[in-house]
Structures are given as structure tokens and as C-alpha cells.
């Protein structure tokens, strides 16, 4: 039986926004991926808690954002792992728990430029496929030795960021166009990012 192909899209999602959804939808529709799993990364105790909302709040926003998407799912696997959580450990744990799935890592071109700073990055490249999406102003170079497992995807370049959305909210700007309606309603109801 052929293994399912799942892309891992990891982030703080503070908050999740339409750019995340567009990218994940593109990858699940126009690449070999069957699904994309959003892995919500836990709160880093070294970060300002006013910037990063509690884990459960961010997880809830991702859940409600993905509710209507058949191929997009959320994972809280890192909530129960030692912290800080390293991508290599997350991928290995997911693979151990899901032997019928091949996992690929989704990352932006900006992260790829500093992959050599990641914990056990060579193990990631050797064991998992990597899909790299474009970032504005970042030149993507994939060395020939990695071309078997690493590929670029011609996804739309989306320049919405969670930082932009948080700043808009703090400055009294309307963020309705940048986040899913369900997330917008949740942010308004809970009075987040003020």
C-alpha cells in the first residue's frame, strides 16, 4: 500500500492568517502532498508573553481556521515534547507515530538560507523531503547534492505576516481582510492583540 504524503507546516501562527491558508492550499492542491498539517509550536519562555499568545489560544485559532478545509489539519504534537522543540525531533516523532505516512517539511526560502544553523539539519535533509516556497527578495539556491530531497515550489509569494496583523490590531486598523472570518470573530470576541 502506498504511503500518504503529508507536508509539515510549522509555526507559531500568532495569529494564523489568509497567507498561511493560501500557501498550504496551494501545496496540497498543486504538489505531491495529500495533506498539510499545521504544527503549532509551543510558547517559548524566553519570548515576551505579550507578543506570543498562549499555546491553547493559538491552537484554537488554527483549528477554527482549518475547519472547512478537507486537506488541511492541525497538530499539537510539540505541546508534549521537550522544549525547545527541534524540527528534527518533531519529524522523527511524527514518523514513529505514523508509519504509514511520508512526511515532508515545508519552509520559506528565508529559512532555507540558514538551514545549516538548525539542529541536525543534515539528518532532516537525508530522511525527509523539503518543499521550499518563495519569499520576496530572497534568492533560493539549492546545492546539487540536495536536489534529490529538496525542491522549490512555484507557490504565490504572499507578503502578509502575523507581525503586520498584530501591529494593525494594536493601531486600531481593521484586519478583517487578512484573516479568516472565523479567526477575525474569535480575535474580536476575545479582545486579542490590543
Protein backbone atom coordinates (compact mmCIF):
# COMPACT_ATOMS: atom_id res chain seq x y z
CA UNK A 1 0.00 0.00 0.00
CA UNK A 2 1.30 3.42 -0.95
CA UNK A 3 2.15 5.75 1.90
CA UNK A 4 0.31 9.02 2.25
CA UNK A 5 2.31 12.20 1.66
CA UNK A 6 1.92 14.84 4.36
CA UNK A 7 3.56 18.27 4.45
CA UNK A 8 4.53 19.72 7.83
CA UNK A 9 3.97 23.47 8.09
CA UNK A 10 5.35 24.54 11.46
CA UNK A 11 4.95 27.91 13.10
CA UNK A 12 3.67 29.97 15.99
CA UNK A 13 0.60 31.09 13.96
CA UNK A 14 0.21 34.21 16.09
CA UNK A 15 -2.32 34.58 14.52
CA UNK A 16 -2.93 32.24 11.59
CA UNK A 17 -3.82 34.33 8.52
CA UNK A 18 -5.01 34.03 4.94
CA UNK A 19 -1.44 33.86 3.65
CA UNK A 20 -0.86 30.65 5.62
CA UNK A 21 -4.08 29.18 4.22
CA UNK A 22 -3.31 30.17 0.62
CA UNK A 23 0.16 28.64 0.79
CA UNK A 24 -0.99 25.39 2.43
CA UNK A 25 -3.90 25.08 0.00
CA UNK A 26 -1.57 25.61 -2.95
CA UNK A 27 0.80 22.92 -1.67
CA UNK A 28 -1.98 20.41 -1.04
CA UNK A 29 -3.53 21.00 -4.48
CA UNK A 30 -0.53 21.53 -6.79
CA UNK A 31 2.24 19.30 -5.38
CA UNK A 32 2.50 15.61 -4.49
CA UNK A 33 1.18 16.30 -0.96
CA UNK A 34 -2.10 14.68 0.07
CA UNK A 35 -2.48 16.96 3.10
CA UNK A 36 -0.74 19.74 5.01
CA UNK A 37 -0.51 19.57 8.80
CA UNK A 38 -0.09 22.83 10.70
CA UNK A 39 2.21 22.11 13.66
CA UNK A 40 1.64 24.81 16.26
CA UNK A 41 4.90 25.49 18.11
CA UNK A 42 4.69 25.98 21.88
CA UNK A 43 5.27 29.17 23.78
CA UNK A 44 8.94 29.92 24.19
CA UNK A 45 9.55 31.04 27.80
CA UNK A 46 12.31 33.36 26.56
CA UNK A 47 9.86 35.37 24.45
CA UNK A 48 7.70 38.25 25.63
CA UNK A 49 4.32 36.79 26.56
CA UNK A 50 2.57 39.91 25.29
CA UNK A 51 3.81 39.05 21.80
CA UNK A 52 3.10 35.32 21.74
CA UNK A 53 -0.34 34.23 22.89
CA UNK A 54 -0.81 31.08 24.98
CA UNK A 55 -0.38 27.78 23.16
CA UNK A 56 -4.02 26.77 23.53
CA UNK A 57 -5.32 30.09 22.16
CA UNK A 58 -3.15 29.84 19.04
CA UNK A 59 -4.08 26.18 18.61
CA UNK A 60 -7.78 27.07 18.84
CA UNK A 61 -7.38 29.78 16.16
CA UNK A 62 -5.73 27.27 13.81
CA UNK A 63 -8.48 24.70 14.50
CA UNK A 64 -11.26 27.12 13.65
CA UNK A 65 -9.38 28.46 10.59
CA UNK A 66 -8.98 24.94 9.15
CA UNK A 67 -12.45 23.65 9.99
CA UNK A 68 -13.71 23.87 6.39
CA UNK A 69 -10.53 22.60 4.68
CA UNK A 70 -10.52 18.90 3.86
CA UNK A 71 -6.77 18.68 3.21
CA UNK A 72 -5.51 20.97 5.98
CA UNK A 73 -5.18 19.76 9.58
CA UNK A 74 -3.69 20.91 12.88
CA UNK A 75 -1.23 19.13 15.17
CA UNK A 76 -0.25 19.91 18.75
CA UNK A 77 2.46 17.23 18.84
CA UNK A 78 5.10 19.68 20.09
CA UNK A 79 2.99 20.60 23.15
CA UNK A 80 4.02 17.27 24.72
CA UNK A 81 7.66 17.26 23.66
CA UNK A 82 10.74 18.57 25.48
CA UNK A 83 11.31 22.28 24.93
CA UNK A 84 12.66 23.93 22.98
CA UNK A 85 11.33 21.60 20.30
CA UNK A 86 13.64 21.00 17.37
CA UNK A 87 12.23 20.25 13.92
CA UNK A 88 14.29 17.08 13.54
CA UNK A 89 12.75 15.65 16.75
CA UNK A 90 9.24 16.62 15.66
CA UNK A 91 9.63 14.95 12.26
CA UNK A 92 11.11 11.82 13.82
CA UNK A 93 8.30 11.59 16.40
CA UNK A 94 5.63 12.09 13.72
CA UNK A 95 7.24 9.35 11.61
CA UNK A 96 7.40 6.93 14.57
CA UNK A 97 3.73 7.53 15.42
CA UNK A 98 2.54 7.37 11.78
CA UNK A 99 4.41 4.56 9.96
CA UNK A 100 2.01 4.75 7.01
CA UNK A 101 2.96 8.34 6.17
CA UNK A 102 5.87 10.04 4.42
CA UNK A 103 6.46 13.47 5.93
CA UNK A 104 7.89 16.44 4.05
CA UNK A 105 9.00 19.69 5.64
CA UNK A 106 7.58 22.96 4.28
CA UNK A 107 9.76 26.03 4.72
CA UNK A 108 10.27 29.50 3.32
CA UNK A 109 13.31 30.42 1.25
CA UNK A 110 14.42 32.71 4.09
CA UNK A 111 14.65 29.74 6.47
CA UNK A 112 16.44 27.62 3.86
CA UNK A 113 19.24 30.20 3.67
CA UNK A 114 20.09 29.41 7.30
CA UNK A 115 19.30 25.69 7.38
CA UNK A 116 22.88 24.99 8.46
CA UNK A 117 22.06 26.59 11.84
CA UNK A 118 19.27 24.10 12.52
CA UNK A 119 19.79 21.19 14.92
CA UNK A 120 20.84 18.08 12.93
CA UNK A 121 19.92 19.72 9.62
CA UNK A 122 21.76 17.06 7.60
CA UNK A 123 19.58 14.37 9.17
CA UNK A 124 16.47 16.32 8.12
CA UNK A 125 17.70 16.55 4.52
CA UNK A 126 18.72 12.88 4.44
CA UNK A 127 15.48 11.49 5.92
CA UNK A 128 12.80 13.90 4.69
CA UNK A 129 11.81 15.76 1.56
CA UNK A 130 11.78 19.54 1.84
CA UNK A 131 9.48 21.86 -0.11
CA UNK A 132 10.67 25.47 -0.21
CA UNK A 133 8.28 28.29 -1.02
CA UNK A 134 9.49 31.68 -2.33
CA UNK A 135 9.94 34.73 -0.13
CA UNK A 136 10.10 38.22 -1.58
CA UNK A 137 13.70 39.41 -2.00
CA UNK A 138 15.28 36.05 -1.09
CA UNK A 139 17.31 34.24 -3.74
CA UNK A 140 16.84 30.50 -3.50
CA UNK A 141 19.89 28.33 -4.09
CA UNK A 142 19.66 24.55 -3.70
CA UNK A 143 23.04 22.81 -3.96
CA UNK A 144 23.14 19.91 -6.45
CA UNK A 145 23.89 17.42 -3.65
CA UNK A 146 20.48 18.16 -2.08
CA UNK A 147 18.34 18.15 -5.22
CA UNK A 148 17.09 14.59 -4.60
CA UNK A 149 15.25 15.62 -1.45
CA UNK A 150 14.92 19.41 -1.67
CA UNK A 151 12.79 21.23 -4.22
CA UNK A 152 11.38 24.68 -4.73
CA UNK A 153 7.67 25.18 -5.34
CA UNK A 154 6.26 27.89 -7.55
CA UNK A 155 3.76 29.00 -4.92
CA UNK A 156 2.37 32.54 -4.90
CA UNK A 157 4.51 34.99 -2.93
CA UNK A 158 2.30 36.22 -0.10
CA UNK A 159 3.53 39.15 1.92
CA UNK A 160 1.11 39.09 4.82
CA UNK A 161 2.71 38.43 8.19
CA UNK A 162 1.39 37.77 11.67
CA UNK A 163 3.53 40.69 12.89
CA UNK A 164 1.78 43.01 10.42
CA UNK A 165 -1.63 41.81 11.63
CA UNK A 166 -0.76 42.24 15.32
CA UNK A 167 0.56 45.75 14.64
CA UNK A 168 -2.57 46.65 12.69
CA UNK A 169 -4.77 45.46 15.56
CA UNK A 170 -2.79 47.43 18.14
CA UNK A 171 -3.06 50.54 15.97
CA UNK A 172 -6.83 50.24 15.59
CA UNK A 173 -6.75 49.12 11.95
CA UNK A 174 -9.29 46.67 10.56
CA UNK A 175 -7.73 43.22 9.96
CA UNK A 176 -10.85 41.58 8.52
CA UNK A 177 -9.36 41.09 5.03
CA UNK A 178 -6.20 39.38 6.30
CA UNK A 179 -7.57 36.57 8.47
CA UNK A 180 -10.37 34.01 8.02
CA UNK A 181 -13.76 35.31 9.22
CA UNK A 182 -13.87 32.70 12.00
CA UNK A 183 -10.47 33.84 13.28
CA UNK A 184 -11.44 37.50 12.99
CA UNK A 185 -14.56 36.84 15.07
CA UNK A 186 -12.51 34.92 17.64
CA UNK A 187 -9.92 37.72 17.93
CA UNK A 188 -12.68 40.31 18.35
CA UNK A 189 -14.61 38.24 20.88
CA UNK A 190 -11.51 37.53 22.99
CA UNK A 191 -10.11 41.06 22.53
CA UNK A 192 -6.72 39.72 21.42
CA UNK A 193 -3.68 41.73 20.29
CA UNK A 194 -4.80 45.03 21.82
